[in-house]
C-alpha cells in the first residue's frame, strides 16, 4: 500500500479551491488564544504604566553601646555607697528604715594605703591582712584569715593560683561546679587555711552550716572583676542574692560581736 503524503498549509497550490458545499457557519469560531497579539492584557499594561517605586533608604543598623568598665571607688564612704546601692536593688521590698539597718558603714571597710592602680595591689592587700593576723596564734580548722568572694568557679581557680605564693598554707577553693559540698566540708574540718576563695552560693551554705568559721577572719574581699559580658559579682543574677545575704545574715551580725575583728573591701 502506498504511503499517503502529508500536506502542510504552505504546500497548497495556487489553484486550490474550496468545496462548493463548505459553510463556515457549520464550524464554531475558535477562541482567541491568550498568546494572540491583537490586544495586550490590561493587567500587564497597567503594571507597565505604573511608575517605578522610589528606592527605600537602607535600614539603620542598631548601635551597640559598649558598657563602661566597672570602676571600684577607693574611699571608704564611696565603697559604702556603691555596696548599699546594689544591695538596695536586691531588697526592694524593705522600707528605708530596714535598709538603713542592714547598710554597710565606713567602719566596716578595711583601711589601706596601698595604690589600687598598682598591678600587685590585690596580692599586697591579702598579704597585709595575713601579716596582721600573725598575732592570733590559735589556729582553728576551717577558719581563714582572708575570705575572697568572686563571681564564678573559673575566677576562683584563677585567684587561687595567684594567691598561693602569698599564703603559707593551702588556699581553699569553694565553689559548686563539679565539687560536692560534703567534700569541702570534710576538707575544712581537717585543714587549717589562711585564705579561702569561693563563689557566694557555696560560701553562704558553708557559713550557715558552721563549716566555714569567722574566728580568725580579718578581711573579706569582694572581687569586682568583670567577665566577658561586663558583669560583676554585685550585679549578676546568679551571685548578687547570695552575696548580699552573706552580709545581711552572717557578716553583719558577726561584725557587732567584739570577738570578731574583720572588715570588708571591694577591689
Protein backbone atom coordinates (compact mmCIF):
# COMPACT_ATOMS: atom_id res chain seq x y z
CA UNK A 1 0.00 0.00 0.00
CA UNK A 2 1.42 3.37 -0.93
CA UNK A 3 2.04 5.81 1.93
CA UNK A 4 -0.23 8.95 1.83
CA UNK A 5 1.77 12.16 1.58
CA UNK A 6 1.16 14.74 4.26
CA UNK A 7 0.33 18.20 3.10
CA UNK A 8 1.13 21.33 5.05
CA UNK A 9 -0.70 24.60 4.67
CA UNK A 10 2.22 26.18 2.91
CA UNK A 11 2.22 23.34 0.36
CA UNK A 12 -1.22 24.19 -1.11
CA UNK A 13 -1.17 25.07 -4.80
CA UNK A 14 -2.21 28.46 -6.06
CA UNK A 15 -5.25 26.94 -7.88
CA UNK A 16 -6.60 25.38 -4.67
CA UNK A 17 -10.41 25.87 -4.48
CA UNK A 18 -12.79 25.48 -1.61
CA UNK A 19 -15.53 22.88 -1.65
CA UNK A 20 -18.67 24.45 -3.02
CA UNK A 21 -20.69 22.87 -0.18
CA UNK A 22 -18.42 24.40 2.57
CA UNK A 23 -20.31 26.63 5.03
CA UNK A 24 -18.20 28.49 7.63
CA UNK A 25 -21.24 28.70 9.98
CA UNK A 26 -21.09 24.95 10.44
CA UNK A 27 -17.83 25.38 12.43
CA UNK A 28 -17.58 27.21 15.75
CA UNK A 29 -15.26 30.11 15.72
CA UNK A 30 -12.01 29.49 17.58
CA UNK A 31 -11.46 31.44 20.74
CA UNK A 32 -8.61 33.82 20.76
CA UNK A 33 -5.50 32.35 22.25
CA UNK A 34 -4.02 34.18 25.19
CA UNK A 35 -0.92 34.39 23.13
CA UNK A 36 -2.77 36.38 20.40
CA UNK A 37 -1.09 39.70 19.82
CA UNK A 38 -4.29 41.53 18.95
CA UNK A 39 -4.84 43.30 22.25
CA UNK A 40 -2.39 43.44 25.16
CA UNK A 41 -3.57 42.17 28.54
CA UNK A 42 -4.94 45.08 30.53
CA UNK A 43 -3.35 43.95 33.84
CA UNK A 44 0.03 43.76 32.16
CA UNK A 45 -0.47 47.13 30.61
CA UNK A 46 -1.41 48.65 33.91
CA UNK A 47 1.66 47.16 35.54
CA UNK A 48 3.81 48.59 32.83
CA UNK A 49 2.27 52.03 33.24
CA UNK A 50 2.94 52.18 37.00
CA UNK A 51 5.88 54.38 37.85
CA UNK A 52 8.92 52.74 39.36
CA UNK A 53 8.95 52.69 43.15
CA UNK A 54 11.34 55.06 44.80
CA UNK A 55 14.33 53.32 46.36
CA UNK A 56 13.91 52.94 50.10
CA UNK A 57 16.58 54.12 52.42
CA UNK A 58 18.66 51.30 53.93
CA UNK A 59 17.63 50.36 57.45
CA UNK A 60 19.81 51.88 60.08
CA UNK A 61 21.92 49.38 61.96
CA UNK A 62 21.35 49.19 65.67
CA UNK A 63 24.17 50.75 67.56
CA UNK A 64 25.51 48.53 70.29
CA UNK A 65 26.69 50.75 73.06
CA UNK A 66 29.70 49.33 74.77
CA UNK A 67 29.16 49.19 78.50
CA UNK A 68 31.55 51.17 80.62
CA UNK A 69 34.10 49.41 82.75
CA UNK A 70 33.14 48.87 86.37
CA UNK A 71 35.15 51.30 88.48
CA UNK A 72 35.64 50.47 92.14
CA UNK A 73 35.92 53.57 94.35
CA UNK A 74 38.85 53.86 96.72
CA UNK A 75 37.48 55.84 99.66
CA UNK A 76 35.57 54.12 102.43
CA UNK A 77 32.50 56.32 102.03
CA UNK A 78 32.28 55.72 98.28
CA UNK A 79 32.73 51.99 98.73
CA UNK A 80 29.84 52.01 101.20
CA UNK A 81 27.70 53.96 98.76
CA UNK A 82 28.37 51.50 95.95
CA UNK A 83 27.70 48.45 98.11
CA UNK A 84 24.49 49.84 99.59
CA UNK A 85 23.20 50.96 96.19
CA UNK A 86 23.48 47.47 94.74
CA UNK A 87 22.17 45.85 97.91
CA UNK A 88 19.07 48.04 97.94
CA UNK A 89 18.23 46.81 94.43
CA UNK A 90 18.03 43.28 95.80
CA UNK A 91 15.89 44.14 98.84
CA UNK A 92 13.34 46.37 97.15
CA UNK A 93 10.52 45.37 99.49
CA UNK A 94 12.28 46.72 102.58
CA UNK A 95 11.49 50.13 103.99
CA UNK A 96 14.10 52.86 104.24
CA UNK A 97 14.45 52.18 107.94
CA UNK A 98 15.00 48.47 107.34
CA UNK A 99 17.53 49.21 104.61
CA UNK A 100 19.41 51.53 106.94
CA UNK A 101 19.68 48.71 109.49
CA UNK A 102 21.49 46.41 107.05
CA UNK A 103 23.57 49.04 105.23
CA UNK A 104 27.32 48.91 105.48
CA UNK A 105 29.16 51.83 107.13
CA UNK A 106 32.71 53.19 106.69
CA UNK A 107 33.75 51.47 109.91
CA UNK A 108 33.12 48.15 108.16
CA UNK A 109 35.53 48.95 105.31
CA UNK A 110 39.08 47.60 105.53
CA UNK A 111 41.53 50.55 105.55
CA UNK A 112 44.61 50.52 103.36
CA UNK A 113 47.21 52.93 101.99
CA UNK A 114 48.04 50.72 99.02
CA UNK A 115 47.73 52.05 95.49
CA UNK A 116 44.75 50.37 93.75
CA UNK A 117 46.32 51.09 90.35
CA UNK A 118 49.41 49.03 91.15
CA UNK A 119 49.48 45.61 89.44
CA UNK A 120 50.35 43.95 92.76
CA UNK A 121 47.60 45.72 94.72
CA UNK A 122 45.43 42.62 95.15
CA UNK A 123 48.31 40.44 96.32
CA UNK A 124 49.66 43.07 98.71
CA UNK A 125 46.21 43.66 100.17
CA UNK A 126 45.85 39.96 101.00
CA UNK A 127 49.38 39.83 102.40
CA UNK A 128 48.71 42.81 104.67
CA UNK A 129 45.73 41.07 106.24
CA UNK A 130 47.70 37.86 106.75
CA UNK A 131 50.57 39.71 108.42
CA UNK A 132 48.25 41.40 110.92
CA UNK A 133 46.76 38.03 111.76
CA UNK A 134 50.03 36.50 112.98
CA UNK A 135 49.32 37.70 116.50
CA UNK A 136 46.47 35.20 116.67
CA UNK A 137 48.47 32.03 117.42
CA UNK A 138 45.41 29.85 117.91
CA UNK A 139 44.77 28.23 114.57
CA UNK A 140 41.34 26.70 114.09
CA UNK A 141 40.34 24.29 111.37
CA UNK A 142 38.22 25.85 108.63
CA UNK A 143 38.86 29.38 109.90
CA UNK A 144 40.60 31.55 107.27
CA UNK A 145 42.05 34.99 107.87
CA UNK A 146 41.01 36.18 104.39
CA UNK A 147 37.79 35.33 102.56
CA UNK A 148 37.52 36.29 98.88
CA UNK A 149 34.10 36.32 97.18
CA UNK A 150 34.06 36.24 93.38
CA UNK A 151 31.66 35.61 90.52
CA UNK A 152 32.49 32.19 89.05
CA UNK A 153 34.38 28.94 89.52
CA UNK A 154 36.86 29.91 86.80
CA UNK A 155 37.60 33.14 88.60
CA UNK A 156 38.07 31.21 91.84
CA UNK A 157 40.67 28.96 90.23
CA UNK A 158 42.47 31.97 88.77
CA UNK A 159 42.72 33.70 92.14
CA UNK A 160 43.72 30.51 93.96
CA UNK A 161 46.72 30.13 91.64
CA UNK A 162 47.57 33.79 92.12
CA UNK A 163 47.41 33.71 95.92
CA UNK A 164 49.35 30.51 96.54
CA UNK A 165 52.69 32.36 96.86
CA UNK A 166 51.08 34.78 99.36
CA UNK A 167 49.68 32.21 101.79
CA UNK A 168 51.79 29.89 103.95
CA UNK A 169 49.03 27.29 103.84
CA UNK A 170 46.93 25.85 101.04
CA UNK A 171 44.32 28.21 99.60
CA UNK A 172 40.81 26.76 99.91
CA UNK A 173 38.71 26.86 96.74
CA UNK A 174 34.99 26.87 97.47
CA UNK A 175 32.62 26.60 94.51
CA UNK A 176 29.83 24.26 93.44
CA UNK A 177 30.85 23.27 89.92
CA UNK A 178 31.84 19.57 89.86
CA UNK A 179 32.59 19.64 93.62
CA UNK A 180 30.15 18.29 96.20
CA UNK A 181 29.69 20.35 99.32
CA UNK A 182 30.38 17.33 101.54
CA UNK A 183 33.90 17.13 100.11
CA UNK A 184 34.53 20.77 101.04
CA UNK A 185 33.03 20.29 104.49
CA UNK A 186 35.42 17.42 105.12
CA UNK A 187 38.36 19.47 103.86
CA UNK A 188 37.53 22.43 106.12
CA UNK A 189 37.05 20.11 109.08
CA UNK A 190 40.55 18.69 108.67
CA UNK A 191 42.56 21.63 107.32
CA UNK A 192 43.88 24.91 108.65
CA UNK A 193 43.55 27.57 105.94
CA UNK A 194 44.65 31.19 105.82
CA UNK A 195 42.90 32.15 102.58
CA UNK A 196 39.59 30.89 101.21
CA UNK A 197 38.28 31.86 97.76
CA UNK A 198 34.76 30.99 96.69
CA UNK A 199 31.50 31.84 94.99
CA UNK A 200 28.70 33.41 97.08
CA UNK A 201 26.27 30.50 96.98
CA UNK A 202 28.74 27.87 98.17
CA UNK A 203 30.35 30.16 100.75
CA UNK A 204 26.93 31.06 102.12
CA UNK A 205 25.99 27.42 102.64
CA UNK A 206 29.31 26.63 104.33
CA UNK A 207 28.97 29.64 106.64
CA UNK A 208 25.41 28.78 107.59
CA UNK A 209 26.41 25.18 108.28
CA UNK A 210 29.26 26.25 110.54
CA UNK A 211 31.87 24.56 108.34
CA UNK A 212 33.49 27.88 107.44
CA UNK A 213 34.30 29.82 110.59
CA UNK A 214 34.84 33.53 111.28
CA UNK A 215 37.01 33.27 114.40
CA UNK A 216 40.25 34.28 112.66
CA UNK A 217 38.75 36.34 109.86
CA UNK A 218 40.48 39.67 109.19
CA UNK A 219 39.48 40.64 105.69
CA UNK A 220 36.55 39.93 103.36
CA UNK A 221 37.37 40.82 99.76
CA UNK A 222 34.59 41.37 97.22
CA UNK A 223 36.24 40.76 93.87
CA UNK A 224 34.64 43.15 91.35
CA UNK A 225 36.27 41.59 88.30
CA UNK A 226 34.24 41.90 85.08
CA UNK A 227 33.62 38.90 82.84
CA UNK A 228 33.36 39.00 79.04
CA UNK A 229 29.74 40.21 79.34
CA UNK A 230 30.84 43.11 81.58
CA UNK A 231 29.10 41.59 84.59
CA UNK A 232 30.28 41.94 88.19
CA UNK A 233 29.56 39.85 91.26
CA UNK A 234 27.47 42.64 92.84
CA UNK A 235 25.02 42.84 89.91
CA UNK A 236 24.92 39.33 88.43
CA UNK A 237 21.63 37.46 88.77
CA UNK A 238 23.49 34.27 89.74
CA UNK A 239 25.52 35.83 92.56
CA UNK A 240 24.07 39.02 94.00
CA UNK A 241 21.29 37.46 96.10
CA UNK A 242 23.70 35.12 97.89
CA UNK A 243 26.36 37.82 98.13
CA UNK A 244 24.20 40.30 99.99
CA UNK A 245 22.60 37.53 102.05
CA UNK A 246 26.10 36.67 103.34
CA UNK A 247 26.43 40.23 104.57
CA UNK A 248 22.92 40.57 105.99
CA UNK A 249 22.59 37.15 107.63
CA UNK A 250 26.16 36.27 108.62
CA UNK A 251 28.75 39.02 108.42
CA UNK A 252 26.66 41.93 109.69
CA UNK A 253 25.57 40.19 112.93
CA UNK A 254 29.13 38.93 113.48
CA UNK A 255 30.58 42.42 112.94
CA UNK A 256 28.67 43.59 116.01
CA UNK A 257 30.36 40.92 118.12
CA UNK A 258 33.55 42.26 119.76
CA UNK A 259 35.12 38.81 119.46
CA UNK A 260 35.34 39.26 115.68
CA UNK A 261 37.60 41.82 114.05
CA UNK A 262 37.09 41.52 110.28
CA UNK A 263 36.35 44.22 107.70
CA UNK A 264 35.36 44.27 104.06
CA UNK A 265 36.98 45.70 100.94
CA UNK A 266 35.78 45.96 97.33
CA UNK A 267 38.60 45.52 94.81
